[in-house]
């Protein structure tokens, strides 16, 4: 038999509390995030041999990678 669960206001995370619980010691500014993505995209392109026509895919992959690392607390500002 399944137990019913009730969510209290204490169980629901607010956006502020979610940001505080990311494991980041210092929040990353938009400028820092941009720089991280820029550098990551460069290295992704380098691994591909700098083939032309893939810059948008490199940038998108870099954004995914950086956002994942930020969420995991692997990168701190």
PDB file of N, CA and C in Angstrom:
ATOM      1  N   UNK A   1       0.844  -1.171   0.000  1.00  0.00           N
ATOM      2  CA  UNK A   1       0.000   0.000   0.000  1.00  0.00           C
ATOM      3  C   UNK A   1       0.892   1.238   0.000  1.00  0.00           C
ATOM      4  N   UNK A   2       0.591   2.176  -0.881  1.00  0.00           N
ATOM      5  CA  UNK A   2       1.399   3.385  -0.994  1.00  0.00           C
ATOM      6  C   UNK A   2       0.966   4.405   0.049  1.00  0.00           C
ATOM      7  N   UNK A   3       1.951   5.066   0.615  1.00  0.00           N
ATOM      8  CA  UNK A   3       1.674   6.125   1.579  1.00  0.00           C
ATOM      9  C   UNK A   3       1.419   7.413   0.827  1.00  0.00           C
ATOM     10  N   UNK A   4       0.444   8.166   1.280  1.00  0.00           N
ATOM     11  CA  UNK A   4       0.247   9.480   0.672  1.00  0.00           C
ATOM     12  C   UNK A   4       1.232  10.447   1.316  1.00  0.00           C
ATOM     13  N   UNK A   5       1.734  11.321   0.487  1.00  0.00           N
ATOM     14  CA  UNK A   5       2.696  12.294   0.983  1.00  0.00           C
ATOM     15  C   UNK A   5       2.113  13.684   0.830  1.00  0.00           C
ATOM     16  N   UNK A   6       2.265  14.464   1.851  1.00  0.00           N
ATOM     17  CA  UNK A   6       1.821  15.853   1.812  1.00  0.00           C
ATOM     18  C   UNK A   6       3.049  16.737   1.782  1.00  0.00           C
ATOM     19  N   UNK A   7       3.026  17.701   0.915  1.00  0.00           N
ATOM     20  CA  UNK A   7       4.121  18.666   0.839  1.00  0.00           C
ATOM     21  C   UNK A   7       3.777  19.873   1.686  1.00  0.00           C
ATOM     22  N   UNK A   8       4.636  20.161   2.644  1.00  0.00           N
ATOM     23  CA  UNK A   8       4.461  21.389   3.415  1.00  0.00           C
ATOM     24  C   UNK A   8       5.296  22.469   2.757  1.00  0.00           C
ATOM     25  N   UNK A   9       5.100  23.686   3.193  1.00  0.00           N
ATOM     26  CA  UNK A   9       5.889  24.778   2.620  1.00  0.00           C
ATOM     27  C   UNK A   9       7.372  24.597   2.903  1.00  0.00           C
ATOM     28  N   UNK A  10       7.712  23.853   3.952  1.00  0.00           N
ATOM     29  CA  UNK A  10       9.123  23.604   4.262  1.00  0.00           C
ATOM     30  C   UNK A  10       9.737  22.616   3.279  1.00  0.00           C
ATOM     31  N   UNK A  11       8.900  21.783   2.639  1.00  0.00           N
ATOM     32  CA  UNK A  11       9.402  20.787   1.701  1.00  0.00           C
ATOM     33  C   UNK A  11       9.643  21.358   0.307  1.00  0.00           C
ATOM     34  N   UNK A  12       9.056  22.482   0.015  1.00  0.00           N
ATOM     35  CA  UNK A  12       9.148  23.067  -1.312  1.00  0.00           C
ATOM     36  C   UNK A  12      10.240  24.120  -1.304  1.00  0.00           C
ATOM     37  N   UNK A  13      11.229  23.931  -2.175  1.00  0.00           N
ATOM     38  CA  UNK A  13      12.365  24.858  -2.219  1.00  0.00           C
ATOM     39  C   UNK A  13      11.990  26.111  -2.984  1.00  0.00           C
ATOM     40  N   UNK A  14      12.351  27.228  -2.443  1.00  0.00           N
ATOM     41  CA  UNK A  14      12.161  28.491  -3.150  1.00  0.00           C
ATOM     42  C   UNK A  14      13.345  28.691  -4.087  1.00  0.00           C
ATOM     43  N   UNK A  15      13.209  29.558  -5.090  1.00  0.00           N
ATOM     44  CA  UNK A  15      14.350  29.818  -5.970  1.00  0.00           C
ATOM     45  C   UNK A  15      15.586  30.274  -5.202  1.00  0.00           C
ATOM     46  N   UNK A  16      15.390  31.060  -4.141  1.00  0.00           N
ATOM     47  CA  UNK A  16      16.533  31.528  -3.359  1.00  0.00           C
ATOM     48  C   UNK A  16      17.229  30.371  -2.665  1.00  0.00           C
ATOM     49  N   UNK A  17      16.453  29.475  -2.067  1.00  0.00           N
ATOM     50  CA  UNK A  17      17.079  28.360  -1.363  1.00  0.00           C
ATOM     51  C   UNK A  17      17.724  27.398  -2.340  1.00  0.00           C
ATOM     52  N   UNK A  18      17.152  27.241  -3.526  1.00  0.00           N
ATOM     53  CA  UNK A  18      17.750  26.365  -4.526  1.00  0.00           C
ATOM     54  C   UNK A  18      19.114  26.895  -4.947  1.00  0.00           C
ATOM     55  N   UNK A  19      19.225  28.202  -5.107  1.00  0.00           N
ATOM     56  CA  UNK A  19      20.502  28.793  -5.493  1.00  0.00           C
ATOM     57  C   UNK A  19      21.539  28.616  -4.396  1.00  0.00           C
ATOM     58  N   UNK A  20      21.111  28.668  -3.141  1.00  0.00           N
ATOM     59  CA  UNK A  20      22.042  28.521  -2.032  1.00  0.00           C
ATOM     60  C   UNK A  20      22.520  27.084  -1.865  1.00  0.00           C
ATOM     61  N   UNK A  21      21.759  26.119  -2.383  1.00  0.00           N
ATOM     62  CA  UNK A  21      22.089  24.712  -2.183  1.00  0.00           C
ATOM     63  C   UNK A  21      22.793  24.089  -3.371  1.00  0.00           C
ATOM     64  N   UNK A  22      23.372  24.865  -4.250  1.00  0.00           N
ATOM     65  CA  UNK A  22      24.030  24.315  -5.422  1.00  0.00           C
ATOM     66  C   UNK A  22      25.431  23.825  -5.119  1.00  0.00           C
ATOM     67  N   UNK A  23      25.934  24.074  -3.936  1.00  0.00           N
ATOM     68  CA  UNK A  23      27.283  23.656  -3.602  1.00  0.00           C
ATOM     69  C   UNK A  23      28.331  24.675  -3.999  1.00  0.00           C
ATOM     70  N   UNK A  24      27.913  25.772  -4.585  1.00  0.00           N
ATOM     71  CA  UNK A  24      28.862  26.788  -5.011  1.00  0.00           C
ATOM     72  C   UNK A  24      29.270  27.642  -3.825  1.00  0.00           C
ATOM     73  N   UNK A  25      30.569  27.849  -3.679  1.00  0.00           N
ATOM     74  CA  UNK A  25      31.054  28.707  -2.613  1.00  0.00           C
ATOM     75  C   UNK A  25      30.785  30.166  -2.933  1.00  0.00           C
ATOM     76  N   UNK A  26      30.962  30.526  -4.190  1.00  0.00           N
ATOM     77  CA  UNK A  26      30.731  31.891  -4.644  1.00  0.00           C
ATOM     78  C   UNK A  26      29.922  31.813  -5.930  1.00  0.00           C
ATOM     79  N   UNK A  27      28.843  32.565  -6.024  1.00  0.00           N
ATOM     80  CA  UNK A  27      28.057  32.535  -7.259  1.00  0.00           C
ATOM     81  C   UNK A  27      28.891  33.024  -8.435  1.00  0.00           C
ATOM     82  N   UNK A  28      28.618  32.488  -9.587  1.00  0.00           N
ATOM     83  CA  UNK A  28      29.319  32.876 -10.805  1.00  0.00           C
ATOM     84  C   UNK A  28      28.514  33.973 -11.491  1.00  0.00           C
ATOM     85  N   UNK A  29      29.183  35.046 -11.852  1.00  0.00           N
ATOM     86  CA  UNK A  29      28.511  36.140 -12.557  1.00  0.00           C
ATOM     87  C   UNK A  29      28.240  35.720 -14.000  1.00  0.00           C
ATOM     88  N   UNK A  30      27.312  36.393 -14.664  1.00  0.00           N
ATOM     89  CA  UNK A  30      27.077  36.087 -16.086  1.00  0.00           C
ATOM     90  C   UNK A  30      28.344  36.248 -16.930  1.00  0.00           C
ATOM     91  N   UNK A  31      29.171  37.214 -16.571  1.00  0.00           N
ATOM     92  CA  UNK A  31      30.418  37.418 -17.311  1.00  0.00           C
ATOM     93  C   UNK A  31      31.372  36.242 -17.116  1.00  0.00           C
ATOM     94  N   UNK A  32      31.454  35.731 -15.887  1.00  0.00           N
ATOM     95  CA  UNK A  32      32.312  34.573 -15.630  1.00  0.00           C
ATOM     96  C   UNK A  32      31.798  33.352 -16.375  1.00  0.00           C
ATOM     97  N   UNK A  33      30.467  33.136 -16.336  1.00  0.00           N
ATOM     98  CA  UNK A  33      29.886  31.996 -17.039  1.00  0.00           C
ATOM     99  C   UNK A  33      30.199  32.092 -18.531  1.00  0.00           C
ATOM    100  N   UNK A  34      30.036  33.289 -19.101  1.00  0.00           N
ATOM    101  CA  UNK A  34      30.324  33.498 -20.515  1.00  0.00           C
ATOM    102  C   UNK A  34      31.770  33.114 -20.834  1.00  0.00           C
ATOM    103  N   UNK A  35      32.679  33.561 -19.988  1.00  0.00           N
ATOM    104  CA  UNK A  35      34.098  33.248 -20.200  1.00  0.00           C
ATOM    105  C   UNK A  35      34.340  31.740 -20.129  1.00  0.00           C
ATOM    106  N   UNK A  36      33.745  31.077 -19.138  1.00  0.00           N
ATOM    107  CA  UNK A  36      33.888  29.616 -19.026  1.00  0.00           C
ATOM    108  C   UNK A  36      33.377  28.924 -20.287  1.00  0.00           C
ATOM    109  N   UNK A  37      32.220  29.363 -20.775  1.00  0.00           N
ATOM    110  CA  UNK A  37      31.644  28.761 -21.984  1.00  0.00           C
ATOM    111  C   UNK A  37      32.546  29.025 -23.185  1.00  0.00           C
ATOM    112  N   UNK A  38      33.050  30.242 -23.276  1.00  0.00           N
ATOM    113  CA  UNK A  38      33.930  30.616 -24.382  1.00  0.00           C
ATOM    114  C   UNK A  38      35.173  29.723 -24.434  1.00  0.00           C
ATOM    115  N   UNK A  39      35.795  29.523 -23.291  1.00  0.00           N
ATOM    116  CA  UNK A  39      36.997  28.688 -23.223  1.00  0.00           C
ATOM    117  C   UNK A  39      36.644  27.228 -23.525  1.00  0.00           C
ATOM    118  N   UNK A  40      35.555  26.741 -22.961  1.00  0.00           N
ATOM    119  CA  UNK A  40      35.147  25.355 -23.212  1.00  0.00           C
ATOM    120  C   UNK A  40      34.849  25.138 -24.690  1.00  0.00           C
ATOM    121  N   UNK A  41      34.173  26.101 -25.327  1.00  0.00           N
ATOM    122  CA  UNK A  41      33.859  25.981 -26.757  1.00  0.00           C
ATOM    123  C   UNK A  41      35.139  25.939 -27.591  1.00  0.00           C
ATOM    124  N   UNK A  42      36.121  26.706 -27.201  1.00  0.00           N
ATOM    125  CA  UNK A  42      37.412  26.679 -27.904  1.00  0.00           C
ATOM    126  C   UNK A  42      38.027  25.284 -27.847  1.00  0.00           C
ATOM    127  N   UNK A  43      38.048  24.687 -26.665  1.00  0.00           N
ATOM    128  CA  UNK A  43      38.651  23.359 -26.523  1.00  0.00           C
ATOM    129  C   UNK A  43      37.841  22.274 -27.226  1.00  0.00           C
ATOM    130  N   UNK A  44      36.532  22.439 -27.269  1.00  0.00           N
ATOM    131  CA  UNK A  44      35.701  21.493 -28.030  1.00  0.00           C
ATOM    132  C   UNK A  44      36.045  21.594 -29.510  1.00  0.00           C
ATOM    133  N   UNK A  45      36.166  22.823 -30.018  1.00  0.00           N
ATOM    134  CA  UNK A  45      36.538  23.034 -31.422  1.00  0.00           C
ATOM    135  C   UNK A  45      37.934  22.491 -31.707  1.00  0.00           C
ATOM    136  N   UNK A  46      38.838  22.689 -30.775  1.00  0.00           N
ATOM    137  CA  UNK A  46      40.205  22.185 -30.949  1.00  0.00           C
ATOM    138  C   UNK A  46      40.209  20.665 -31.080  1.00  0.00           C
ATOM    139  N   UNK A  47      39.431  19.987 -30.236  1.00  0.00           N
ATOM    140  CA  UNK A  47      39.354  18.519 -30.313  1.00  0.00           C
ATOM    141  C   UNK A  47      38.822  18.052 -31.663  1.00  0.00           C
ATOM    142  N   UNK A  48      37.950  18.852 -32.274  1.00  0.00           N
ATOM    143  CA  UNK A  48      37.391  18.529 -33.583  1.00  0.00           C
ATOM    144  C   UNK A  48      38.333  18.899 -34.720  1.00  0.00           C
ATOM    145  N   UNK A  49      39.402  19.577 -34.440  1.00  0.00           N
ATOM    146  CA  UNK A  49      40.320  20.020 -35.479  1.00  0.00           C
ATOM    147  C   UNK A  49      39.898  21.329 -36.122  1.00  0.00           C
ATOM    148  N   UNK A  50      39.085  22.112 -35.422  1.00  0.00           N
ATOM    149  CA  UNK A  50      38.620  23.418 -35.885  1.00  0.00           C
ATOM    150  C   UNK A  50      37.912  23.345 -37.242  1.00  0.00           C
ATOM    151  N   UNK A  51      37.134  22.279 -37.467  1.00  0.00           N
ATOM    152  CA  UNK A  51      36.329  22.190 -38.687  1.00  0.00           C
ATOM    153  C   UNK A  51      35.372  23.368 -38.743  1.00  0.00           C
ATOM    154  N   UNK A  52      35.226  23.955 -39.921  1.00  0.00           N
ATOM    155  CA  UNK A  52      34.326  25.101 -40.063  1.00  0.00           C
ATOM    156  C   UNK A  52      32.878  24.645 -40.047  1.00  0.00           C
ATOM    157  N   UNK A  53      31.996  25.563 -39.662  1.00  0.00           N
ATOM    158  CA  UNK A  53      30.570  25.300 -39.695  1.00  0.00           C
ATOM    159  C   UNK A  53      30.006  24.637 -38.450  1.00  0.00           C
ATOM    160  N   UNK A  54      30.822  24.448 -37.408  1.00  0.00           N
ATOM    161  CA  UNK A  54      30.344  23.776 -36.200  1.00  0.00           C
ATOM    162  C   UNK A  54      30.376  24.675 -34.966  1.00  0.00           C
ATOM    163  N   UNK A  55      30.599  25.946 -35.136  1.00  0.00           N
ATOM    164  CA  UNK A  55      30.759  26.851 -33.990  1.00  0.00           C
ATOM    165  C   UNK A  55      29.519  26.877 -33.100  1.00  0.00           C
ATOM    166  N   UNK A  56      28.332  26.879 -33.703  1.00  0.00           N
ATOM    167  CA  UNK A  56      27.108  26.914 -32.893  1.00  0.00           C
ATOM    168  C   UNK A  56      26.948  25.648 -32.064  1.00  0.00           C
ATOM    169  N   UNK A  57      27.263  24.502 -32.661  1.00  0.00           N
ATOM    170  CA  UNK A  57      27.185  23.243 -31.902  1.00  0.00           C
ATOM    171  C   UNK A  57      28.221  23.203 -30.787  1.00  0.00           C
ATOM    172  N   UNK A  58      29.429  23.718 -31.076  1.00  0.00           N
ATOM    173  CA  UNK A  58      30.476  23.768 -30.051  1.00  0.00           C
ATOM    174  C   UNK A  58      30.027  24.636 -28.878  1.00  0.00           C
ATOM    175  N   UNK A  59      29.426  25.788 -29.180  1.00  0.00           N
ATOM    176  CA  UNK A  59      28.979  26.710 -28.136  1.00  0.00           C
ATOM    177  C   UNK A  59      27.862  26.063 -27.310  1.00  0.00           C
ATOM    178  N   UNK A  60      26.911  25.430 -27.993  1.00  0.00           N
ATOM    179  CA  UNK A  60      25.790  24.791 -27.289  1.00  0.00           C
ATOM    180  C   UNK A  60      26.298  23.686 -26.376  1.00  0.00           C
ATOM    181  N   UNK A  61      27.240  22.882 -26.856  1.00  0.00           N
ATOM    182  CA  UNK A  61      27.794  21.814 -26.022  1.00  0.00           C
ATOM    183  C   UNK A  61      28.554  22.393 -24.840  1.00  0.00           C
ATOM    184  N   UNK A  62      29.294  23.465 -25.077  1.00  0.00           N
ATOM    185  CA  UNK A  62      30.041  24.112 -23.994  1.00  0.00           C
ATOM    186  C   UNK A  62      29.092  24.648 -22.928  1.00  0.00           C
ATOM    187  N   UNK A  63      27.977  25.251 -23.344  1.00  0.00           N
ATOM    188  CA  UNK A  63      26.991  25.744 -22.375  1.00  0.00           C
ATOM    189  C   UNK A  63      26.446  24.606 -21.527  1.00  0.00           C
ATOM    190  N   UNK A  64      26.111  23.489 -22.163  1.00  0.00           N
ATOM    191  CA  UNK A  64      25.618  22.330 -21.409  1.00  0.00           C
ATOM    192  C   UNK A  64      26.657  21.847 -20.406  1.00  0.00           C
ATOM    193  N   UNK A  65      27.894  21.730 -20.876  1.00  0.00           N
ATOM    194  CA  UNK A  65      28.972  21.240 -20.003  1.00  0.00           C
ATOM    195  C   UNK A  65      29.203  22.180 -18.817  1.00  0.00           C
ATOM    196  N   UNK A  66      29.288  23.469 -19.083  1.00  0.00           N
ATOM    197  CA  UNK A  66      29.551  24.445 -18.022  1.00  0.00           C
ATOM    198  C   UNK A  66      28.382  24.507 -17.047  1.00  0.00           C
ATOM    199  N   UNK A  67      27.161  24.524 -17.556  1.00  0.00           N
ATOM    200  CA  UNK A  67      26.000  24.568 -16.659  1.00  0.00           C
ATOM    201  C   UNK A  67      25.933  23.327 -15.774  1.00  0.00           C
ATOM    202  N   UNK A  68      26.292  22.170 -16.319  1.00  0.00           N
ATOM    203  CA  UNK A  68      26.320  20.941 -15.517  1.00  0.00           C
ATOM    204  C   UNK A  68      27.384  21.046 -14.425  1.00  0.00           C
ATOM    205  N   UNK A  69      28.566  21.511 -14.791  1.00  0.00           N
ATOM    206  CA  UNK A  69      29.646  21.657 -13.810  1.00  0.00           C
ATOM    207  C   UNK A  69      29.287  22.666 -12.725  1.00  0.00           C
ATOM    208  N   UNK A  70      28.632  23.756 -13.111  1.00  0.00           N
ATOM    209  CA  UNK A  70      28.194  24.743 -12.123  1.00  0.00           C
ATOM    210  C   UNK A  70      27.157  24.140 -11.177  1.00  0.00           C
ATOM    211  N   UNK A  71      26.203  23.402 -11.741  1.00  0.00           N
ATOM    212  CA  UNK A  71      25.151  22.791 -10.915  1.00  0.00           C
ATOM    213  C   UNK A  71      25.725  21.760  -9.959  1.00  0.00           C
ATOM    214  N   UNK A  72      26.769  21.064 -10.371  1.00  0.00           N
ATOM    215  CA  UNK A  72      27.400  20.059  -9.524  1.00  0.00           C
ATOM    216  C   UNK A  72      28.379  20.677  -8.525  1.00  0.00           C
ATOM    217  N   UNK A  73      28.614  21.974  -8.636  1.00  0.00           N
ATOM    218  CA  UNK A  73      29.552  22.631  -7.731  1.00  0.00           C
ATOM    219  C   UNK A  73      31.005  22.366  -8.083  1.00  0.00           C
ATOM    220  N   UNK A  74      31.235  21.921  -9.320  1.00  0.00           N
ATOM    221  CA  UNK A  74      32.602  21.632  -9.780  1.00  0.00           C
ATOM    222  C   UNK A  74      33.376  22.907 -10.121  1.00  0.00           C
ATOM    223  N   UNK A  75      32.643  23.986 -10.395  1.00  0.00           N
ATOM    224  CA  UNK A  75      33.252  25.274 -10.735  1.00  0.00           C
ATOM    225  C   UNK A  75      32.741  26.280  -9.713  1.00  0.00           C
ATOM    226  N   UNK A  76      33.643  27.052  -9.146  1.00  0.00           N
ATOM    227  CA  UNK A  76      33.276  28.135  -8.228  1.00  0.00           C
ATOM    228  C   UNK A  76      33.875  29.418  -8.738  1.00  0.00           C
ATOM    229  N   UNK A  77      33.153  30.513  -8.516  1.00  0.00           N
ATOM    230  CA  UNK A  77      33.605  31.830  -8.979  1.00  0.00           C
ATOM    231  C   UNK A  77      34.740  32.373  -8.186  1.00  0.00           C
TER     232      UNK A  77
END
